[in-house]
Amino acid sequence: MLLNLFLTQNKKSMKRVGLCLALNFLVVSLYSCRNVAIYPLDEHPTIKIDTALLGVWQADDGLYKDHFLVRSFDDVYKDVSAYGDDSLMLAEKQYKDYLYYISEVDKNKGDFDMIAFQSTINNTRLVNFGLYTPVEKRYKNGYLHQGTAYMFMKLKNMNSAKTQLTLVPDMDTTMLVLNSCAEVRKRVTAVLRNKLYFSDSAVFKKVSNDHWNRRKY
């Protein structure tokens, strides 16, 4: 079972935030919007990380050029022995080959970390983004306590060099009431081709292969 590691009322405003703030949109949404779910698309990840995606990505959207560092489990937990029996690390270790760790690295920005992993629905690749919360709030019978949430984005238009891609967020606000991964998957499947839910997009370009540190870019 997965270590469960998110058409708003103000749709026009939220669409613009989603487009301009790119991954910052995740943080805004996780705390102020309702296009999120308590459960991810899958009970456990099944798609291994693509190491070509590790590194620093820049949001390519007009005024916003935010940078995000994408790392692997081994990058984050370089010395596993130093963590002892840390419950967070041990829970994630069993899925170490499937999880991406995403951090904002720009100056004058509050750092945040997310766990992400990929899923597929009808040959469409999606990314499950989950925001970190304190350990004591994260686990309950293998699932997150309510209050931690997932957002889902289509992953599109990745070039052959894997240096540019597009993310399209799911703006469905009905997912918070869903009670399982199966229910979430069924709902996302139902709206997957609906442009009322998947409309805006953000382009990201890879600017560095460095995924070992959090220096400023």
C-alpha atoms as a PDB file:
ATOM      1  CA  MET A   1       0.000   0.000   0.000  1.00  0.00           C
ATOM      2  CA  LEU A   2       1.248   3.456  -0.877  1.00  0.00           C
ATOM      3  CA  LEU A   3       2.755   5.659   1.800  1.00  0.00           C
ATOM      4  CA  ASN A   4       0.212   8.325   1.043  1.00  0.00           C
ATOM      5  CA  LEU A   5       2.697  10.537   1.018  1.00  0.00           C
ATOM      6  CA  PHE A   6      -4.696  18.352  -4.177  1.00  0.00           C
ATOM      7  CA  LEU A   7     -14.089  25.086 -11.688  1.00  0.00           C
ATOM      8  CA  THR A   8     -13.379  27.103  -8.537  1.00  0.00           C
ATOM      9  CA  GLN A   9     -15.905  29.839  -7.580  1.00  0.00           C
ATOM     10  CA  ASN A  10     -13.445  32.390  -8.833  1.00  0.00           C
ATOM     11  CA  LYS A  11     -12.465  30.415 -11.911  1.00  0.00           C
ATOM     12  CA  LYS A  12     -10.920  33.247 -13.887  1.00  0.00           C
ATOM     13  CA  SER A  13      -8.620  34.267 -11.054  1.00  0.00           C
ATOM     14  CA  MET A  14      -7.581  30.727 -10.211  1.00  0.00           C
ATOM     15  CA  LYS A  15      -6.892  29.881 -13.845  1.00  0.00           C
ATOM     16  CA  ARG A  16      -4.489  32.794 -14.054  1.00  0.00           C
ATOM     17  CA  VAL A  17      -2.735  31.742 -10.854  1.00  0.00           C
ATOM     18  CA  GLY A  18      -2.442  28.228 -12.228  1.00  0.00           C
ATOM     19  CA  LEU A  19      -0.916  29.435 -15.448  1.00  0.00           C
ATOM     20  CA  CYS A  20       1.457  32.079 -14.113  1.00  0.00           C
ATOM     21  CA  LEU A  21       2.670  30.603 -10.855  1.00  0.00           C
ATOM     22  CA  ALA A  22       3.242  27.170 -12.326  1.00  0.00           C
ATOM     23  CA  LEU A  23       4.285  24.825  -9.512  1.00  0.00           C
ATOM     24  CA  ASN A  24       3.729  27.593  -6.977  1.00  0.00           C
ATOM     25  CA  PHE A  25       0.145  26.983  -7.972  1.00  0.00           C
ATOM     26  CA  LEU A  26       0.408  23.723  -6.054  1.00  0.00           C
ATOM     27  CA  VAL A  27       1.075  25.518  -2.809  1.00  0.00           C
ATOM     28  CA  VAL A  28      -1.641  28.106  -3.403  1.00  0.00           C
ATOM     29  CA  SER A  29      -4.086  25.370  -4.278  1.00  0.00           C
ATOM     30  CA  LEU A  30      -3.186  23.093  -1.417  1.00  0.00           C
ATOM     31  CA  TYR A  31      -3.930  25.810   1.090  1.00  0.00           C
ATOM     32  CA  SER A  32      -6.600  28.009  -0.467  1.00  0.00           C
ATOM     33  CA  CYS A  33      -8.387  26.116  -3.227  1.00  0.00           C
ATOM     34  CA  ARG A  34     -10.376  22.936  -3.398  1.00  0.00           C
ATOM     35  CA  ASN A  35      -9.173  21.263  -6.591  1.00  0.00           C
ATOM     36  CA  VAL A  36      -7.405  18.678  -4.451  1.00  0.00           C
ATOM     37  CA  ALA A  37      -7.891  15.148  -3.128  1.00  0.00           C
ATOM     38  CA  ILE A  38      -6.975  13.390   0.099  1.00  0.00           C
ATOM     39  CA  TYR A  39      -5.927  10.295  -1.839  1.00  0.00           C
ATOM     40  CA  PRO A  40      -3.610   9.885  -4.848  1.00  0.00           C
ATOM     41  CA  LEU A  41      -4.520   8.119  -8.067  1.00  0.00           C
ATOM     42  CA  ASP A  42      -2.816   4.870  -7.079  1.00  0.00           C
ATOM     43  CA  GLU A  43      -2.426   3.051  -3.780  1.00  0.00           C
ATOM     44  CA  HIS A  44       1.231   2.600  -4.615  1.00  0.00           C
ATOM     45  CA  PRO A  45       3.389   4.032  -7.403  1.00  0.00           C
ATOM     46  CA  THR A  46       4.139   1.728 -10.324  1.00  0.00           C
ATOM     47  CA  ILE A  47       6.175   3.958 -12.661  1.00  0.00           C
ATOM     48  CA  LYS A  48       9.841   4.218 -11.792  1.00  0.00           C
ATOM     49  CA  ILE A  49      11.480   7.623 -11.841  1.00  0.00           C
ATOM     50  CA  ASP A  50      13.104   8.779 -15.042  1.00  0.00           C
ATOM     51  CA  THR A  51      16.561   9.970 -13.992  1.00  0.00           C
ATOM     52  CA  ALA A  52      16.627  12.272 -17.036  1.00  0.00           C
ATOM     53  CA  LEU A  53      14.016  14.390 -15.238  1.00  0.00           C
ATOM     54  CA  LEU A  54      16.225  14.972 -12.209  1.00  0.00           C
ATOM     55  CA  GLY A  55      17.799  18.409 -12.064  1.00  0.00           C
ATOM     56  CA  VAL A  56      16.660  22.026 -12.071  1.00  0.00           C
ATOM     57  CA  TRP A  57      13.594  23.115 -14.019  1.00  0.00           C
ATOM     58  CA  GLN A  58      12.494  26.667 -14.703  1.00  0.00           C
ATOM     59  CA  ALA A  59       8.924  27.789 -15.171  1.00  0.00           C
ATOM     60  CA  ASP A  60       8.790  29.455 -18.570  1.00  0.00           C
ATOM     61  CA  ASP A  61       5.814  31.765 -18.232  1.00  0.00           C
ATOM     62  CA  GLY A  62       6.259  35.470 -18.819  1.00  0.00           C
ATOM     63  CA  LEU A  63       6.824  37.268 -15.516  1.00  0.00           C
ATOM     64  CA  TYR A  64       7.461  34.103 -13.539  1.00  0.00           C
ATOM     65  CA  LYS A  65      10.745  32.253 -13.943  1.00  0.00           C
ATOM     66  CA  ASP A  66      10.755  30.179 -10.777  1.00  0.00           C
ATOM     67  CA  HIS A  67      13.246  27.323 -10.414  1.00  0.00           C
ATOM     68  CA  PHE A  68      12.476  23.908  -9.004  1.00  0.00           C
ATOM     69  CA  LEU A  69      14.950  21.244  -7.983  1.00  0.00           C
ATOM     70  CA  VAL A  70      13.830  17.688  -8.726  1.00  0.00           C
ATOM     71  CA  ARG A  71      15.660  15.032  -6.739  1.00  0.00           C
ATOM     72  CA  SER A  72      15.519  11.318  -6.003  1.00  0.00           C
ATOM     73  CA  PHE A  73      15.308   9.498  -2.677  1.00  0.00           C
ATOM     74  CA  ASP A  74      19.073   8.895  -2.770  1.00  0.00           C
ATOM     75  CA  ASP A  75      19.695  12.625  -3.289  1.00  0.00           C
ATOM     76  CA  VAL A  76      17.516  13.579  -0.326  1.00  0.00           C
ATOM     77  CA  TYR A  77      18.690  10.830   2.006  1.00  0.00           C
ATOM     78  CA  LYS A  78      22.375  10.709   1.082  1.00  0.00           C
ATOM     79  CA  ASP A  79      23.309   9.009   4.347  1.00  0.00           C
ATOM     80  CA  VAL A  80      20.399   6.739   5.213  1.00  0.00           C
ATOM     81  CA  SER A  81      22.143   5.473   8.358  1.00  0.00           C
ATOM     82  CA  ALA A  82      21.976   8.984   9.836  1.00  0.00           C
ATOM     83  CA  TYR A  83      18.182   8.747   9.938  1.00  0.00           C
ATOM     84  CA  GLY A  84      18.058   5.588  12.032  1.00  0.00           C
ATOM     85  CA  ASP A  85      14.475   4.417  12.425  1.00  0.00           C
ATOM     86  CA  ASP A  86      12.961   7.703  11.232  1.00  0.00           C
ATOM     87  CA  SER A  87       9.428   6.718  10.232  1.00  0.00           C
ATOM     88  CA  LEU A  88       9.207   9.157   7.311  1.00  0.00           C
ATOM     89  CA  MET A  89      12.408   7.952   5.681  1.00  0.00           C
ATOM     90  CA  LEU A  90      11.610   4.261   6.250  1.00  0.00           C
ATOM     91  CA  ALA A  91       8.118   4.623   4.787  1.00  0.00           C
ATOM     92  CA  GLU A  92       9.466   6.313   1.683  1.00  0.00           C
ATOM     93  CA  LYS A  93      12.436   3.963   1.285  1.00  0.00           C
ATOM     94  CA  GLN A  94      10.276   1.086   0.065  1.00  0.00           C
ATOM     95  CA  TYR A  95       9.231   3.289  -2.872  1.00  0.00           C
ATOM     96  CA  LYS A  96      12.608   4.931  -3.404  1.00  0.00           C
ATOM     97  CA  ASP A  97      12.744   4.045  -7.094  1.00  0.00           C
ATOM     98  CA  TYR A  98       9.380   5.699  -7.797  1.00  0.00           C
ATOM     99  CA  LEU A  99       9.395   9.036  -5.948  1.00  0.00           C
ATOM    100  CA  TYR A 100      10.476  12.505  -7.037  1.00  0.00           C
ATOM    101  CA  TYR A 101      11.263  15.198  -4.448  1.00  0.00           C
ATOM    102  CA  ILE A 102      10.574  18.764  -5.579  1.00  0.00           C
ATOM    103  CA  SER A 103      11.882  21.914  -3.891  1.00  0.00           C
ATOM    104  CA  GLU A 104      11.736  25.573  -4.803  1.00  0.00           C
ATOM    105  CA  VAL A 105      15.231  27.040  -4.987  1.00  0.00           C
ATOM    106  CA  ASP A 106      14.773  30.680  -6.007  1.00  0.00           C
ATOM    107  CA  LYS A 107      15.964  33.559  -3.872  1.00  0.00           C
ATOM    108  CA  ASN A 108      13.572  35.299  -1.510  1.00  0.00           C
ATOM    109  CA  LYS A 109      11.154  32.394  -1.673  1.00  0.00           C
ATOM    110  CA  GLY A 110      10.160  30.085   1.128  1.00  0.00           C
ATOM    111  CA  ASP A 111      11.479  26.620   0.419  1.00  0.00           C
ATOM    112  CA  PHE A 112       8.898  23.871   0.213  1.00  0.00           C
ATOM    113  CA  ASP A 113       9.120  20.220  -0.592  1.00  0.00           C
ATOM    114  CA  MET A 114       6.740  17.906  -2.328  1.00  0.00           C
ATOM    115  CA  ILE A 115       6.736  14.241  -3.114  1.00  0.00           C
ATOM    116  CA  ALA A 116       5.574  13.385  -6.610  1.00  0.00           C
ATOM    117  CA  PHE A 117       5.072  10.228  -8.620  1.00  0.00           C
ATOM    118  CA  GLN A 118       3.606   9.384 -11.980  1.00  0.00           C
ATOM    119  CA  SER A 119       0.435   7.504 -12.906  1.00  0.00           C
ATOM    120  CA  THR A 120      -1.305   6.680 -16.163  1.00  0.00           C
ATOM    121  CA  ILE A 121      -4.964   6.778 -17.153  1.00  0.00           C
ATOM    122  CA  ASN A 122      -5.879   5.619 -20.654  1.00  0.00           C
ATOM    123  CA  ASN A 123      -2.312   6.194 -21.888  1.00  0.00           C
ATOM    124  CA  THR A 124      -2.284   9.731 -20.443  1.00  0.00           C
ATOM    125  CA  ARG A 125       0.580  10.410 -18.063  1.00  0.00           C
ATOM    126  CA  LEU A 126      -0.306  12.300 -14.875  1.00  0.00           C
ATOM    127  CA  VAL A 127       1.732  13.470 -11.920  1.00  0.00           C
ATOM    128  CA  ASN A 128       0.492  13.129  -8.336  1.00  0.00           C
ATOM    129  CA  PHE A 129       1.839  16.042  -6.272  1.00  0.00           C
ATOM    130  CA  GLY A 130       1.644  15.804  -2.486  1.00  0.00           C
ATOM    131  CA  LEU A 131       2.798  18.559  -0.158  1.00  0.00           C
ATOM    132  CA  TYR A 132       4.949  17.638   2.845  1.00  0.00           C
ATOM    133  CA  THR A 133       3.395  17.861   6.297  1.00  0.00           C
ATOM    134  CA  PRO A 134       4.840  17.086   9.755  1.00  0.00           C
ATOM    135  CA  VAL A 135       5.515  13.385  10.241  1.00  0.00           C
ATOM    136  CA  GLU A 136       2.954  12.986  13.003  1.00  0.00           C
ATOM    137  CA  LYS A 137       0.246  14.153  10.611  1.00  0.00           C
ATOM    138  CA  ARG A 138       1.270  12.077   7.644  1.00  0.00           C
ATOM    139  CA  TYR A 139       0.572   8.480   8.542  1.00  0.00           C
ATOM    140  CA  LYS A 140      -2.487   6.669   9.751  1.00  0.00           C
ATOM    141  CA  ASN A 141      -2.882   3.039   8.763  1.00  0.00           C
ATOM    142  CA  GLY A 142      -0.703   3.673   5.739  1.00  0.00           C
ATOM    143  CA  TYR A 143      -2.657   6.732   4.645  1.00  0.00           C
ATOM    144  CA  LEU A 144      -2.305  10.408   5.308  1.00  0.00           C
ATOM    145  CA  HIS A 145      -4.393  12.140   7.893  1.00  0.00           C
ATOM    146  CA  GLN A 146      -6.898  14.447   6.289  1.00  0.00           C
ATOM    147  CA  GLY A 147      -5.345  17.842   5.838  1.00  0.00           C
ATOM    148  CA  THR A 148      -2.617  16.632   3.495  1.00  0.00           C
ATOM    149  CA  ALA A 149      -3.668  16.739  -0.109  1.00  0.00           C
ATOM    150  CA  TYR A 150      -2.800  15.823  -3.667  1.00  0.00           C
ATOM    151  CA  MET A 151      -3.092  17.756  -6.877  1.00  0.00           C
ATOM    152  CA  PHE A 152      -3.003  16.037 -10.266  1.00  0.00           C
ATOM    153  CA  MET A 153      -1.455  17.379 -13.464  1.00  0.00           C
ATOM    154  CA  LYS A 154      -1.238  15.992 -16.955  1.00  0.00           C
ATOM    155  CA  LEU A 155       2.317  15.677 -18.204  1.00  0.00           C
ATOM    156  CA  LYS A 156       2.360  16.625 -21.895  1.00  0.00           C
ATOM    157  CA  ASN A 157       4.611  17.607 -24.782  1.00  0.00           C
ATOM    158  CA  MET A 158       7.884  16.361 -23.341  1.00  0.00           C
ATOM    159  CA  ASN A 159      10.556  16.674 -26.007  1.00  0.00           C
ATOM    160  CA  SER A 160      12.854  13.810 -26.979  1.00  0.00           C
ATOM    161  CA  ALA A 161      15.749  15.301 -25.021  1.00  0.00           C
ATOM    162  CA  LYS A 162      13.526  15.492 -21.925  1.00  0.00           C
ATOM    163  CA  THR A 163      14.475  19.121 -21.367  1.00  0.00           C
ATOM    164  CA  GLN A 164      11.036  20.671 -21.827  1.00  0.00           C
ATOM    165  CA  LEU A 165       7.553  19.617 -20.776  1.00  0.00           C
ATOM    166  CA  THR A 166       4.099  20.981 -20.078  1.00  0.00           C
ATOM    167  CA  LEU A 167       1.969  20.475 -16.963  1.00  0.00           C
ATOM    168  CA  VAL A 168      -1.812  20.909 -17.024  1.00  0.00           C
ATOM    169  CA  PRO A 169      -3.570  21.005 -13.614  1.00  0.00           C
ATOM    170  CA  ASP A 170      -6.887  19.332 -12.866  1.00  0.00           C
ATOM    171  CA  MET A 171      -9.228  22.095 -11.623  1.00  0.00           C
ATOM    172  CA  ASP A 172     -11.954  19.708 -10.411  1.00  0.00           C
ATOM    173  CA  THR A 173     -13.227  20.841  -6.987  1.00  0.00           C
ATOM    174  CA  THR A 174     -15.272  17.742  -6.196  1.00  0.00           C
ATOM    175  CA  MET A 175     -12.421  15.438  -5.150  1.00  0.00           C
ATOM    176  CA  LEU A 176     -12.091  16.294  -1.457  1.00  0.00           C
ATOM    177  CA  VAL A 177     -15.124  14.181  -0.584  1.00  0.00           C
ATOM    178  CA  LEU A 178     -13.717  11.065  -2.261  1.00  0.00           C
ATOM    179  CA  ASN A 179     -12.733   8.282   0.118  1.00  0.00           C
ATOM    180  CA  SER A 180     -10.242   6.119  -1.734  1.00  0.00           C
ATOM    181  CA  CYS A 181      -7.679   6.012  -4.502  1.00  0.00           C
ATOM    182  CA  ALA A 182     -10.181   4.079  -6.622  1.00  0.00           C
ATOM    183  CA  GLU A 183     -12.778   6.836  -6.272  1.00  0.00           C
ATOM    184  CA  VAL A 184     -10.216   9.509  -7.155  1.00  0.00           C
ATOM    185  CA  ARG A 185      -9.070   7.574 -10.217  1.00  0.00           C
ATOM    186  CA  LYS A 186     -12.657   7.102 -11.379  1.00  0.00           C
ATOM    187  CA  ARG A 187     -13.383  10.825 -11.026  1.00  0.00           C
ATOM    188  CA  VAL A 188     -10.205  11.977 -12.794  1.00  0.00           C
ATOM    189  CA  THR A 189     -10.874   9.486 -15.584  1.00  0.00           C
ATOM    190  CA  ALA A 190     -14.357  10.942 -16.042  1.00  0.00           C
ATOM    191  CA  VAL A 191     -13.065  14.494 -16.581  1.00  0.00           C
ATOM    192  CA  LEU A 192      -9.725  13.738 -18.215  1.00  0.00           C
ATOM    193  CA  ARG A 193     -10.759  15.046 -21.672  1.00  0.00           C
ATOM    194  CA  ASN A 194     -12.930  17.857 -20.364  1.00  0.00           C
ATOM    195  CA  LYS A 195     -11.410  21.296 -20.954  1.00  0.00           C
ATOM    196  CA  LEU A 196     -13.507  22.766 -18.153  1.00  0.00           C
ATOM    197  CA  TYR A 197     -11.169  20.909 -15.811  1.00  0.00           C
ATOM    198  CA  PHE A 198      -7.921  20.602 -17.775  1.00  0.00           C
ATOM    199  CA  SER A 199      -7.404  23.860 -19.634  1.00  0.00           C
ATOM    200  CA  ASP A 200      -4.505  26.039 -18.476  1.00  0.00           C
ATOM    201  CA  SER A 201      -0.947  24.850 -18.725  1.00  0.00           C
ATOM    202  CA  ALA A 202       2.565  25.794 -17.667  1.00  0.00           C
ATOM    203  CA  VAL A 203       5.757  25.059 -19.606  1.00  0.00           C
ATOM    204  CA  PHE A 204       8.951  24.035 -17.817  1.00  0.00           C
ATOM    205  CA  LYS A 205      12.460  23.968 -19.248  1.00  0.00           C
ATOM    206  CA  LYS A 206      15.397  22.114 -17.764  1.00  0.00           C
ATOM    207  CA  VAL A 207      18.304  24.438 -16.981  1.00  0.00           C
ATOM    208  CA  SER A 208      20.672  22.169 -15.084  1.00  0.00           C
ATOM    209  CA  ASN A 209      21.340  18.472 -14.534  1.00  0.00           C
ATOM    210  CA  ASP A 210      22.549  19.207 -11.015  1.00  0.00           C
ATOM    211  CA  HIS A 211      20.281  17.417  -8.537  1.00  0.00           C
ATOM    212  CA  TRP A 212      22.648  17.050  -5.595  1.00  0.00           C
ATOM    213  CA  ASN A 213      22.302  20.398  -3.863  1.00  0.00           C
ATOM    214  CA  ARG A 214      19.937  23.298  -3.274  1.00  0.00           C
ATOM    215  CA  ARG A 215      22.109  26.208  -4.397  1.00  0.00           C
ATOM    216  CA  LYS A 216      20.412  29.253  -5.915  1.00  0.00           C
ATOM    217  CA  TYR A 217      20.040  29.480  -9.684  1.00  0.00           C
END
